[in-house]
Protein backbone atom coordinates (compact mmCIF):
# COMPACT_ATOMS: atom_id res chain seq x y z
CA MET A 1 29.80 153.60 65.76
CA GLN A 2 32.01 153.68 63.03
CA TYR A 3 35.10 154.99 64.45
CA LEU A 4 37.34 152.18 62.70
CA GLN A 5 36.15 153.17 59.22
CA GLY A 6 38.41 152.41 56.54
CA GLN A 7 41.72 151.19 58.84
CA GLN A 8 43.60 148.54 58.18
CA LEU A 9 44.00 146.04 60.89
CA LEU A 10 46.16 143.12 61.47
CA ILE A 11 44.63 140.46 64.29
CA LEU A 12 47.03 137.89 66.08
CA GLY A 13 46.10 134.67 66.70
CA LEU A 14 41.98 133.07 66.42
CA GLY A 15 40.83 131.88 69.23
CA ILE A 16 37.94 132.94 71.32
CA SER A 17 39.55 136.66 72.01
CA GLY A 18 40.99 136.83 68.53
CA LEU A 19 37.56 136.16 67.08
CA SER A 20 36.19 138.80 69.23
CA MET A 21 38.37 141.54 68.10
CA ALA A 22 37.55 140.20 64.62
CA ARG A 23 34.08 141.07 65.13
CA TRP A 24 34.21 144.14 66.67
CA ALA A 25 36.79 145.54 64.25
CA VAL A 26 34.55 144.23 61.29
CA ARG A 27 31.25 146.30 63.26
CA CYS A 28 33.40 149.56 63.49
CA GLY A 29 34.11 149.32 60.09
CA ALA A 30 37.74 148.10 60.04
CA VAL A 31 39.12 145.99 56.94
CA ILE A 32 41.10 143.01 58.77
CA ARG A 33 43.92 140.78 58.04
CA VAL A 34 43.94 137.62 60.30
CA ALA A 35 47.02 135.59 61.19
CA ASP A 36 47.42 132.64 63.11
CA THR A 37 50.02 130.26 63.56
CA ARG A 38 47.91 126.91 62.61
CA GLU A 39 46.42 126.18 59.53
CA THR A 40 42.96 126.13 61.02
CA PRO A 41 42.49 127.72 64.30
CA PRO A 42 38.80 126.77 65.97
CA GLY A 43 37.90 130.50 64.95
CA LEU A 44 38.36 130.33 61.13
CA GLN A 45 34.84 128.74 60.01
CA ASP A 46 32.80 131.71 62.23
CA LEU A 47 35.65 134.36 60.56
CA ARG A 48 34.78 133.50 57.08
CA ALA A 49 31.15 133.21 57.91
CA LEU A 50 31.25 136.92 59.23
CA VAL A 51 33.70 137.96 56.08
CA PRO A 52 33.35 135.90 53.51
CA ASP A 53 36.75 137.42 51.65
CA VAL A 54 38.73 137.99 54.85
CA GLU A 55 42.37 137.74 54.57
CA PHE A 56 43.82 134.79 56.47
CA ILE A 57 47.43 133.70 56.54
CA SER A 58 48.53 130.83 58.48
CA GLY A 59 51.67 129.47 59.30
CA PRO A 60 55.15 131.08 60.85
CA LEU A 61 54.26 134.79 61.34
CA ASP A 62 56.44 136.78 58.64
CA ALA A 63 56.55 140.44 59.86
CA ALA A 64 57.44 141.64 56.22
CA ARG A 65 54.31 139.63 54.86
CA LEU A 66 51.56 140.65 57.87
CA LEU A 67 52.62 143.99 57.66
CA ALA A 68 52.57 144.83 54.30
CA ALA A 69 50.27 147.42 53.00
CA LYS A 70 47.33 145.81 50.67
CA GLU A 71 45.94 148.19 48.20
CA GLY A 72 48.11 151.37 49.63
CA GLN A 73 46.04 151.28 52.79
CA ARG A 74 48.39 150.27 55.43
CA ILE A 75 48.29 148.53 58.56
CA THR A 76 47.21 151.07 61.35
CA ARG A 77 47.10 148.65 64.38
CA VAL A 78 47.74 145.22 65.22
CA LEU A 79 45.70 143.52 67.78
CA ARG A 80 46.90 140.74 69.69
CA SER A 81 45.48 138.05 71.04
CA PRO A 82 46.03 137.29 74.82
CA GLY A 83 47.26 134.13 74.48
CA LEU A 84 50.02 134.63 72.09
CA PHE A 85 53.27 134.86 73.87
CA PRO A 86 55.31 138.05 72.89
CA GLY A 87 58.62 136.45 73.47
CA GLN A 88 58.44 133.69 70.88
CA ALA A 89 61.02 134.58 68.29
CA ASP A 90 58.30 135.59 65.59
CA VAL A 91 55.83 137.13 67.63
CA LYS A 92 58.80 139.49 68.99
CA ALA A 93 60.22 140.18 65.77
CA LEU A 94 56.75 141.25 64.34
CA LEU A 95 56.05 143.32 67.06
CA GLN A 96 59.66 145.16 66.80
CA ALA A 97 58.78 145.75 63.34
CA ALA A 98 55.33 147.16 64.19
CA HIS A 99 57.34 149.62 66.60
CA GLU A 100 59.64 150.71 64.43
CA GLN A 101 56.97 151.48 61.85
CA ASP A 102 54.93 153.37 64.21
CA ILE A 103 51.94 150.95 64.03
CA GLU A 104 50.22 150.69 67.24
CA VAL A 105 49.75 147.18 69.07
CA MET A 106 47.09 146.65 71.40
CA GLY A 107 45.35 143.76 73.04
CA GLU A 108 41.48 142.91 73.84
CA LEU A 109 41.29 144.66 76.97
CA GLU A 110 42.56 148.07 75.33
CA LEU A 111 40.08 147.70 72.61
CA PHE A 112 37.09 147.56 75.13
CA THR A 113 38.58 150.28 76.78
CA GLU A 114 38.73 152.56 74.06
CA ALA A 115 35.31 151.04 72.74
CA LEU A 116 33.68 152.31 75.97
CA ALA A 117 35.29 155.92 75.70
CA GLN A 118 33.56 156.23 71.80
CA ILE A 119 30.23 155.24 73.16
CA HIS A 120 30.51 157.89 75.62
CA GLN A 121 31.63 160.48 72.54
CA GLU A 122 28.86 158.93 70.11
CA GLN A 123 26.33 159.29 73.08
CA LEU A 124 27.50 162.72 73.76
CA ARG A 125 27.21 163.85 70.27
CA GLN A 126 23.73 162.26 69.96
CA GLN A 127 22.68 164.07 72.85
CA ALA A 128 23.81 167.31 71.98
CA GLU A 129 21.96 167.24 68.75
CA GLU A 130 18.75 166.42 70.49
CA MET A 131 19.16 169.28 72.95
CA LEU A 132 19.85 171.52 69.40
CA GLN A 133 16.68 170.32 68.05
CA LEU A 134 14.49 171.01 71.48
CA ALA A 135 16.76 174.51 71.59
CA SER A 136 15.36 175.64 68.17
CA GLU A 137 11.58 175.51 69.52
CA PRO A 138 10.59 179.29 70.75
CA ASP A 139 10.26 179.41 74.44
CA VAL A 140 8.09 182.34 76.39
CA LEU A 141 10.19 184.12 78.72
CA ALA A 142 8.51 186.75 79.38
CA ALA A 143 5.24 188.55 78.38
CA GLY A 144 6.06 189.85 74.91
CA THR A 145 9.13 188.62 74.75
CA GLU A 146 10.02 185.20 72.81
CA THR A 147 13.58 183.90 72.37
CA THR A 148 15.14 180.15 72.19
CA THR A 149 16.86 177.56 74.63
CA ALA A 150 19.78 177.71 72.12
CA ASP A 151 19.79 181.46 72.75
CA VAL A 152 19.76 181.01 76.56
CA LEU A 153 22.31 178.53 76.55
CA ALA A 154 24.68 180.73 74.50
CA GLU A 155 24.45 183.69 76.85
CA GLY A 156 24.08 181.67 80.27
CA MET A 157 21.19 183.22 81.14
CA THR A 158 18.34 184.93 80.39
CA PRO A 159 18.67 188.84 79.65
CA ALA A 160 15.77 189.67 82.67
CA PHE A 161 18.37 187.57 84.90
CA ASP A 162 21.31 189.30 83.05
CA GLU A 163 19.64 192.97 84.22
CA ASN A 164 18.54 191.90 87.70
CA LEU A 165 22.29 190.84 88.25
CA ALA A 166 23.44 194.12 86.74
CA ASP A 167 21.42 196.22 88.88
CA GLY A 168 22.10 194.03 91.95
CA ASP A 169 18.91 192.74 92.44
CA HIS A 170 19.36 188.86 92.54
CA SER A 171 15.67 188.22 93.39
CA GLY A 172 11.97 188.07 91.97
CA ILE A 173 13.39 185.25 89.54
CA VAL A 174 11.84 182.24 89.28
CA VAL A 175 13.41 179.43 86.92
CA GLU A 176 11.57 176.08 85.84
CA LEU A 177 13.30 173.38 85.97
CA PRO A 178 12.36 170.50 83.36
CA ASP A 179 11.12 168.44 86.05
CA GLY A 180 9.23 171.07 87.65
CA GLU A 181 11.36 172.09 90.39
CA PHE A 182 11.69 175.66 91.01
CA GLU A 183 14.61 178.03 92.15
CA GLU A 184 13.27 181.47 93.92
CA THR A 185 14.60 184.11 95.62
CA SER A 186 12.08 186.28 97.78
CA ASP A 187 11.57 189.57 96.86
CA ASP A 188 8.68 192.53 96.69
CA THR A 189 9.23 192.93 92.99
CA GLU A 190 5.99 192.75 91.10
CA ASP A 191 7.43 191.52 87.65
CA GLU A 192 5.97 188.76 86.67
CA PRO A 193 7.67 185.06 86.90
CA VAL A 194 10.41 184.43 84.46
CA PHE A 195 10.53 180.90 83.70
CA VAL A 196 13.46 179.50 81.78
CA PRO A 197 13.63 176.04 80.40
CA VAL A 198 16.87 174.33 81.71
CA PRO A 199 17.54 171.04 79.47
CA PRO A 200 19.44 168.25 80.96
CA GLN A 201 23.38 168.38 80.41
CA PRO A 202 24.45 165.51 78.05
CA VAL A 203 26.90 162.51 80.13
CA GLY A 204 27.34 160.21 77.65
CA TYR A 205 27.60 156.54 78.61
CA VAL A 206 30.01 156.50 81.91
CA PRO A 207 29.93 152.96 83.47
CA LYS A 208 31.84 151.85 86.45
CA VAL A 209 34.49 148.90 85.73
CA ILE A 210 35.40 146.23 88.22
CA ALA A 211 38.39 144.18 87.33
CA VAL A 212 39.73 141.13 89.58
CA THR A 213 42.72 139.13 88.89
CA GLY A 214 44.88 136.90 91.01
CA THR A 215 46.37 133.32 90.30
CA ASN A 216 43.16 131.69 92.01
CA GLY A 217 39.69 132.41 93.14
CA LYS A 218 38.85 135.04 89.96
CA THR A 219 35.85 133.15 88.52
CA THR A 220 34.18 133.16 92.23
CA VAL A 221 35.02 136.60 92.86
CA THR A 222 33.92 137.83 89.82
CA ALA A 223 30.81 136.03 89.25
CA LEU A 224 30.05 136.82 93.16
CA THR A 225 30.65 140.39 92.77
CA ALA A 226 28.43 140.92 89.96
CA LEU A 227 25.68 139.25 92.04
CA LEU A 228 25.96 141.69 94.92
CA VAL A 229 25.90 144.88 92.52
CA GLU A 230 22.95 143.30 91.02
CA ARG A 231 21.41 142.78 94.13
CA ALA A 232 22.63 146.19 95.17
CA GLY A 233 20.30 147.49 92.55
CA LYS A 234 22.54 148.22 89.48
CA SER A 235 22.79 146.73 86.25
CA VAL A 236 25.71 144.82 85.59
CA MET A 237 27.62 142.56 83.14
CA ALA A 238 30.24 140.01 84.08
CA ALA A 239 32.78 139.35 81.14
CA GLY A 240 36.21 138.55 80.25
CA ASN A 241 38.38 135.58 81.05
CA ILE A 242 35.07 134.32 82.57
CA GLY A 243 33.18 133.97 79.74
CA PRO A 244 31.86 135.67 77.27
CA ALA A 245 34.46 137.64 75.56
CA MET A 246 34.27 141.43 76.82
CA LEU A 247 33.64 142.71 73.13
CA ASP A 248 31.09 140.30 72.41
CA MET A 249 28.88 141.23 75.36
CA LEU A 250 29.54 144.75 74.47
CA ALA A 251 28.21 144.49 71.24
CA GLN A 252 25.57 142.15 72.50
CA GLN A 253 24.03 144.98 75.00
CA LEU A 254 24.91 147.66 72.51
CA ASP A 255 22.39 145.49 70.37
CA ALA A 256 19.79 145.21 72.88
CA ASP A 257 19.90 148.81 73.73
CA ALA A 258 20.92 147.42 77.53
CA LEU A 259 24.59 149.07 78.44
CA PRO A 260 24.80 147.91 82.12
CA GLU A 261 25.94 150.39 84.80
CA VAL A 262 28.75 148.06 85.85
CA TRP A 263 30.94 146.04 84.37
CA VAL A 264 32.88 143.19 85.99
CA LEU A 265 35.87 142.29 83.93
CA GLU A 266 37.90 138.77 85.46
CA LEU A 267 41.52 139.40 83.41
CA SER A 268 44.04 136.89 83.64
CA SER A 269 47.94 137.64 83.34
CA PHE A 270 48.12 137.38 79.31
CA GLN A 271 45.10 139.87 79.26
CA LEU A 272 46.88 142.20 81.59
CA ASP A 273 50.27 142.09 79.61
CA GLY A 274 51.56 144.83 78.45
CA VAL A 275 48.32 147.04 78.52
CA LYS A 276 48.44 150.36 78.97
CA ASN A 277 45.97 153.52 80.18
CA PHE A 278 43.47 150.99 81.67
CA ASP A 279 41.80 152.70 84.91
CA PRO A 280 38.99 150.81 86.50
CA ALA A 281 36.76 152.20 89.12
CA ALA A 282 38.08 149.61 91.43
CA ALA A 283 40.16 146.77 90.96
CA THR A 284 41.75 143.77 92.65
CA ILE A 285 44.69 141.18 92.90
CA LEU A 286 43.25 138.34 94.74
CA ASN A 287 46.89 136.52 95.51
CA LEU A 288 50.17 136.00 93.61
CA THR A 289 51.61 132.14 93.33
CA GLN A 290 53.38 130.23 91.05
CA ASP A 291 51.82 130.13 87.90
CA HIS A 292 52.06 130.69 83.83
CA LEU A 293 56.07 131.30 84.39
CA ASP A 294 57.07 129.30 81.12
CA TRP A 295 55.38 131.95 79.53
CA HIS A 296 56.47 135.23 82.02
CA GLY A 297 59.52 134.03 82.39
CA SER A 298 59.91 134.87 86.00
CA MET A 299 57.76 135.40 89.06
CA GLN A 300 58.42 139.22 89.30
CA ALA A 301 57.31 139.68 85.08
CA TYR A 302 54.06 137.55 86.36
CA ALA A 303 53.30 140.33 89.07
CA ALA A 304 53.99 143.05 87.25
CA ALA A 305 51.50 142.14 84.73
CA LYS A 306 48.92 141.43 87.01
CA GLY A 307 49.73 145.13 88.47
CA HIS A 308 48.79 146.62 84.84
CA ILE A 309 44.81 145.87 86.26
CA PHE A 310 45.48 149.59 88.49
CA GLY A 311 45.43 152.70 86.81
CA ALA A 312 46.03 156.06 87.96
CA HIS A 313 42.30 156.62 89.93
CA THR A 314 41.80 152.88 90.69
CA THR A 315 40.65 152.04 94.08
CA ARG A 316 43.34 149.18 94.74
CA VAL A 317 41.36 146.23 96.45
CA LEU A 318 44.39 144.05 98.27
CA ASN A 319 44.81 141.06 100.35
CA ARG A 320 46.57 141.98 103.61
CA ASP A 321 47.48 137.64 103.43
CA ASP A 322 49.42 137.85 100.56
CA ALA A 323 52.94 139.86 100.93
CA MET A 324 53.43 140.10 97.55
CA VAL A 325 49.98 141.23 96.76
CA MET A 326 50.46 144.09 99.29
CA ASP A 327 53.52 145.75 97.68
CA PHE A 328 50.76 146.93 95.18
CA LYS A 329 50.14 149.55 97.93
CA PRO A 330 49.70 153.01 96.39
CA GLN A 331 52.91 154.94 96.93
CA ALA A 332 50.84 157.82 98.40
CA GLN A 333 49.79 155.68 100.92
CA VAL A 334 52.42 154.01 102.01
CA ALA A 335 54.09 157.19 103.59
CA GLU A 336 50.73 157.07 105.81
CA ALA A 337 50.70 153.76 106.89
CA ASP A 338 52.05 153.93 110.15
CA SER A 339 50.01 156.98 110.77
CA GLN A 340 46.71 154.76 109.51
CA THR A 341 47.71 152.46 111.91
CA LYS A 342 47.93 154.67 114.67
CA ARG A 343 44.74 156.52 113.43
CA ARG A 344 42.81 153.15 112.87
CA GLY A 345 40.84 155.50 110.17
CA ARG A 346 40.42 157.48 107.04
CA SER A 347 43.10 159.96 106.14
CA LYS A 348 42.32 163.53 107.81
CA SER A 349 42.61 165.11 103.95
CA GLN A 350 40.23 162.48 102.83
CA PRO A 351 36.52 163.74 102.19
CA LYS A 352 34.43 161.11 104.08
CA ASP A 353 32.33 160.79 100.77
CA MET A 354 35.08 159.90 99.21
CA ALA A 355 36.02 155.83 98.45
CA PRO A 356 39.53 155.79 99.71
CA ARG A 357 42.39 154.71 97.47
CA MET A 358 43.01 151.38 98.86
CA VAL A 359 40.86 148.94 100.73
CA THR A 360 42.21 145.66 102.22
CA PHE A 361 40.69 142.25 103.12
CA GLY A 362 42.35 139.46 104.93
CA LEU A 363 41.14 136.59 107.50
CA ASP A 364 42.32 138.79 110.29
CA VAL A 365 40.87 141.22 112.00
CA PRO A 366 41.07 144.86 110.20
CA VAL A 367 42.51 147.61 112.01
CA VAL A 368 41.76 150.46 109.30
CA ALA A 369 38.60 151.66 108.72
CA GLY A 370 36.82 150.56 105.65
CA ASP A 371 38.52 147.34 105.81
CA PHE A 372 37.33 143.76 105.89
CA GLY A 373 38.19 140.47 107.88
CA ILE A 374 36.86 138.30 109.98
CA ALA A 375 36.65 138.47 113.85
CA ASP A 376 35.50 136.52 116.67
CA ASP A 377 32.16 136.69 118.77
CA GLY A 378 30.85 134.85 121.02
CA GLY A 379 33.28 131.90 119.42
CA PHE A 380 31.87 132.38 116.27
CA PRO A 381 33.65 133.70 113.13
CA TRP A 382 32.12 136.67 111.44
CA LEU A 383 32.88 138.33 108.38
CA VAL A 384 33.50 142.31 109.71
CA GLN A 385 34.16 145.90 108.17
CA ALA A 386 36.48 148.12 110.40
CA ALA A 387 34.58 151.44 111.06
CA ALA A 388 36.15 154.60 113.14
CA ALA A 389 34.49 154.57 116.31
CA ASP A 390 35.72 158.11 117.25
CA GLU A 391 37.65 160.00 114.65
CA THR A 392 38.91 162.35 117.16
CA ARG A 393 40.65 159.56 119.14
CA MET A 394 44.17 158.53 117.56
CA ASP A 395 44.71 155.82 120.01
CA ALA A 396 44.66 151.67 119.05
CA GLN A 397 41.40 151.53 120.52
CA ALA A 398 39.26 153.91 117.77
CA VAL A 399 38.08 151.12 115.37
CA ALA A 400 34.80 149.57 116.09
CA TRP A 401 33.74 146.54 113.93
CA GLN A 402 30.70 146.27 111.86
CA ARG A 403 29.34 142.71 112.00
CA LEU A 404 28.32 141.71 108.56
CA MET A 405 27.08 138.08 108.63
CA PRO A 406 28.74 134.46 110.26
CA VAL A 407 31.35 132.91 108.10
CA ASP A 408 29.27 129.55 108.64
CA ALA A 409 26.25 131.20 106.72
CA LEU A 410 28.18 131.28 103.53
CA ARG A 411 27.08 128.73 101.11
CA ILE A 412 30.70 128.50 99.95
CA ARG A 413 32.72 126.46 102.04
CA GLY A 414 36.38 127.45 103.37
CA ARG A 415 38.13 130.12 104.65
CA HIS A 416 39.87 131.08 101.07
CA ASN A 417 36.08 131.05 100.13
CA ALA A 418 35.52 133.48 102.78
CA SER A 419 38.15 135.83 101.49
CA ASN A 420 36.71 135.80 98.31
CA ALA A 421 33.45 136.67 100.07
CA LEU A 422 35.10 139.90 101.49
CA ALA A 423 36.85 140.70 98.50
CA ALA A 424 33.55 141.03 96.45
CA LEU A 425 32.07 142.80 99.40
CA ALA A 426 35.17 145.42 98.82
CA LEU A 427 35.05 145.63 95.30
CA ALA A 428 31.22 146.13 95.62
CA SER A 429 31.34 148.65 98.51
CA SER A 430 33.76 150.73 96.86
CA ILE A 431 31.58 152.02 94.14
CA GLY A 432 29.04 152.94 96.29
CA CYS A 433 26.69 149.26 96.32
CA GLU A 434 24.88 149.54 99.81
CA MET A 435 25.63 146.87 102.09
CA ALA A 436 22.20 145.44 103.57
CA PRO A 437 21.08 144.11 99.75
CA MET A 438 24.30 143.02 99.38
CA LEU A 439 24.60 140.46 102.64
CA PHE A 440 21.23 138.81 101.26
CA GLY A 441 23.47 138.29 97.79
CA LEU A 442 26.09 136.48 99.64
CA ARG A 443 23.86 134.56 101.88
CA GLU A 444 22.38 133.01 98.45
CA TYR A 445 25.61 132.02 96.39
CA ARG A 446 26.24 128.80 96.03
CA GLY A 447 29.49 129.10 94.37
CA GLU A 448 31.21 128.05 90.77
CA SER A 449 31.57 124.39 89.45
CA HIS A 450 34.41 122.44 90.17
CA ARG A 451 35.58 125.11 92.52
CA VAL A 452 35.66 123.56 96.11
CA GLU A 453 32.08 122.12 95.30
CA SER A 454 30.42 119.77 97.61
CA VAL A 455 29.64 116.86 95.54
CA ALA A 456 27.68 114.38 98.35
CA ILE A 457 28.19 113.28 101.66
CA VAL A 458 28.75 109.52 101.92
CA ASN A 459 29.12 107.47 105.35
CA GLY A 460 29.76 110.74 106.84
CA VAL A 461 32.42 112.15 104.53
CA GLU A 462 31.70 114.96 102.25
CA TYR A 463 33.30 114.93 98.91
CA PHE A 464 34.47 118.11 97.33
CA ASP A 465 35.28 118.66 93.57
CA ASP A 466 38.37 121.07 92.85
CA SER A 467 38.92 120.25 89.36
CA LYS A 468 40.07 123.52 88.47
CA GLY A 469 42.47 123.65 91.15
CA THR A 470 45.31 123.33 88.54
CA ASN A 471 47.85 124.70 89.98
CA VAL A 472 49.96 124.63 93.37
CA GLY A 473 48.45 127.68 94.67
CA ALA A 474 44.92 126.63 94.13
CA THR A 475 45.14 123.63 96.14
CA VAL A 476 47.14 125.15 99.09
CA ALA A 477 44.16 127.34 99.29
CA ALA A 478 41.58 124.83 99.58
CA LEU A 479 43.38 122.71 101.78
CA ALA A 480 43.83 125.86 103.91
CA GLY A 481 40.34 126.65 103.86
CA LEU A 482 38.99 123.31 104.39
CA GLY A 483 41.46 122.15 106.74
CA VAL A 484 40.24 124.69 109.50
CA ASP A 485 37.34 122.33 110.43
CA HIS A 486 38.05 118.88 109.14
CA ARG A 487 40.73 116.29 108.27
CA ILE A 488 41.46 115.87 104.56
CA VAL A 489 42.29 112.72 102.53
CA VAL A 490 43.16 114.69 98.84
CA ILE A 491 43.36 113.50 95.12
CA LEU A 492 46.72 114.95 93.67
CA GLY A 493 48.72 114.67 90.28
CA GLY A 494 48.27 115.01 86.87
CA ASP A 495 50.58 117.60 84.67
CA GLY A 496 52.42 119.26 87.16
CA LYS A 497 53.68 121.85 84.62
CA GLY A 498 57.35 122.02 86.12
CA GLN A 499 55.78 123.59 89.09
CA ASP A 500 57.62 123.60 92.53
CA PHE A 501 55.28 121.24 95.07
CA SER A 502 56.83 122.73 97.89
CA PRO A 503 54.41 124.62 98.90
CA LEU A 504 51.95 121.95 99.41
CA VAL A 505 54.43 120.63 102.33
CA PRO A 506 53.30 122.31 105.57
CA LEU A 507 49.70 122.17 104.57
CA VAL A 508 49.81 118.70 104.17
CA GLN A 509 51.44 117.77 107.40
CA GLN A 510 48.93 119.97 109.14
CA HIS A 511 45.60 119.06 107.82
CA VAL A 512 46.01 115.45 105.34
CA ARG A 513 45.18 112.07 106.48
CA THR A 514 46.10 110.30 103.67
CA ALA A 515 47.10 111.58 99.83
CA VAL A 516 45.99 109.52 96.81
CA LEU A 517 48.41 110.30 93.80
CA ILE A 518 47.09 110.20 90.12
CA GLY A 519 48.76 111.05 86.58
CA ARG A 520 51.87 111.74 84.95
CA ASP A 521 53.60 113.61 87.78
CA ALA A 522 52.65 111.40 90.80
CA PRO A 523 56.06 110.27 91.40
CA VAL A 524 56.81 114.11 91.51
CA ILE A 525 54.55 114.93 94.09
CA GLU A 526 55.63 111.87 95.85
CA ALA A 527 59.13 113.30 95.90
CA ALA A 528 57.81 116.69 97.04
CA LEU A 529 56.14 115.40 100.00
CA ALA A 530 58.26 112.73 101.40
CA ASP A 531 59.02 113.72 104.33
CA THR A 532 55.82 114.94 105.59
CA GLY A 533 54.89 111.77 107.67
CA VAL A 534 51.37 111.45 105.46
CA PRO A 535 50.66 107.89 103.71
CA MET A 536 50.51 108.39 100.04
CA LEU A 537 48.75 105.96 97.82
CA HIS A 538 48.74 105.13 93.96
CA ALA A 539 45.81 104.98 91.88
CA GLY A 540 45.56 104.02 87.88
CA SER A 541 42.05 106.17 87.63
CA MET A 542 40.21 108.36 88.79
CA ASP A 543 37.67 105.66 90.05
CA GLU A 544 40.17 103.92 92.07
CA ALA A 545 41.13 107.40 93.67
CA VAL A 546 38.12 107.32 94.91
CA ARG A 547 37.54 103.94 96.43
CA LEU A 548 41.19 104.10 98.01
CA CYS A 549 39.72 107.70 99.04
CA ALA A 550 36.39 106.02 101.04
CA LYS A 551 38.81 103.21 102.43
CA GLU A 552 40.84 105.99 104.10
CA ALA A 553 38.32 108.32 105.05
CA VAL A 554 36.55 108.66 108.40
CA SER A 555 33.39 110.30 109.31
CA GLY A 556 33.75 114.06 110.09
CA ASP A 557 36.43 114.03 107.38
CA VAL A 558 36.28 115.35 103.72
CA VAL A 559 37.84 114.26 100.56
CA LEU A 560 38.85 116.36 98.14
CA MET A 561 40.22 116.11 94.91
CA SER A 562 42.36 119.30 94.13
CA PRO A 563 45.12 118.04 91.85
CA ALA A 564 47.40 120.95 91.75
CA CYS A 565 47.99 119.96 88.59
CA ALA A 566 46.60 120.04 85.00
CA SER A 567 44.44 117.52 83.60
CA LEU A 568 45.69 116.95 80.06
CA ASP A 569 47.80 113.68 80.82
CA MET A 570 44.39 111.87 81.77
CA PHE A 571 41.65 113.64 80.67
CA LYS A 572 40.34 116.10 77.81
CA ASN A 573 39.93 119.07 80.27
CA TYR A 574 39.35 120.02 83.74
CA ALA A 575 35.67 119.46 83.34
CA GLU A 576 35.97 116.09 82.22
CA ARG A 577 38.36 115.07 85.05
CA ALA A 578 35.46 116.54 87.34
CA LYS A 579 32.85 114.29 85.90
CA ALA A 580 34.65 111.55 86.25
CA PHE A 581 35.16 112.32 89.98
CA VAL A 582 31.62 113.09 90.38
CA ASN A 583 30.63 109.98 88.79
CA ALA A 584 32.91 107.92 90.83
CA VAL A 585 31.53 109.24 94.15
CA HIS A 586 27.96 109.07 92.80
CA GLU A 587 28.57 104.83 91.82
CA LEU A 588 30.14 105.01 95.62
CA ALA A 589 27.37 106.16 96.99
CA GLU A 590 24.96 103.64 95.33
CA ASP A 591 27.11 100.87 96.47
CA GLN A 592 26.29 102.13 100.06
CA GLY A 593 22.76 102.59 99.31
CA GLN A 594 22.79 105.88 99.14
CA VAL A 595 21.09 106.96 95.68
CA MET A 596 22.56 110.46 94.79
CA GLY A 597 21.72 110.43 90.70
CA GLY A 598 24.72 111.20 88.38
CA TRP A 599 26.20 113.09 85.48
CA GLN A 600 24.57 112.49 82.30
């Protein structure tokens, strides 16, 4: 597939996404120029292995130099890596120069979307060629008559069929389809049956794309949605921010001749920033809390970037528990909101077999048919889906709830994970996946590493690793999720990235027994939580923090390491922080005579 043949492309940034775009561009015939502000970016060695004579330019991004024509060939596209801050002075100047020269600027997601369209067109072309070759073989349509399928296709019907229509006689005709089925009308005619081969129409590759974004829970919902789709019997691939890169996975599946029916993409605000013409079958914004504001500039800009996940035909899966997310309700449905609430069901103008343009999920009881939520049954919380009990009734009693499974049957812990499960069910069901096999998949899902992951139980206290909780919103979700059933001793601290820690206050007051503070911004967190009345202790290492937690917790409590901060002030990354926590817990268990093993 050489749809970029001969084009000169400039790739900005050589991280994971930049290298992936470079691989795809070269695969499709493009000549590439790559720029990065770093002298030796991590992907440089792989790039030179791919294209030994590649033009790589390091240092400040000089628009005149980077956009200059090479050997008479002008730059036709600029491919911007998602982590490259568009507000940076040299980046902004380069993008402005590209705009003035009518050079298209796009990112990884748009290139992936274009690639799917190109694969579709290529397959249509190949299928059409195969049909023409098949059509060149003569077929006997009636005694003494020889023609080709191409003739039939050109005319739209057989001559015999045409004559019957002309005479007003629509019967006595048998059409044999490729799978051996027949279409027949009854008549007393004595003509011999007419056999007309009807070749399949070219369809091309048209996968369903599900897209997932949000401040927290993206990876869990992406992985879980892919599992549910697979359990429902469809081939599926997960890619994007979850890894691997979208274009790398697409190339891999093309080479294996194994393109999936469904793509589930995890997308960050960086990947969505400035995106146009993305139109997945279903998409969700799970939640919106402060994150990456140094990059986006404001909460409004951050939310707007997330909003690019929705296209004109996308079923929007929205979180009822997040007011900012619900602002993305489709405008056509905003005017109907009151009548929908009264009706508790589907819009009368909407066909029963058509997925609604909006489905919501939340931790409350759903009141609109098709929505997901939690309802109490006999004192036990259940995941449920609302259904119209009687579509002829217009009152508030016209909704029934289909019980899906008990919340306690989930292997992933916490109410925030119940919300994630509901989001995944809503996404997968919106593209036609059957519920029953998905529920089996939901029961077996164990969660992702470092996301409220149970590590061990020591002396009746369960220890949870939530090292991926690198922002306040993630820790708020973890505290709210585990605090429903337990008192919590929490480990907080690290590189706070200038965040506002005040959203932690009500959760700490309500659910936390003791907070153990670590890292550079421990004093900032202590000041933010000063009025909660919760005891706060300081630790100089993860091992000391775990030991302090063990002294403070009582049987039935949980210890949660959810720092609400980045890890780089004390650790290489959040995974190394998690390893330190797990090893400290296992050492604690061994000291108590509970041999748990440890990380290698």
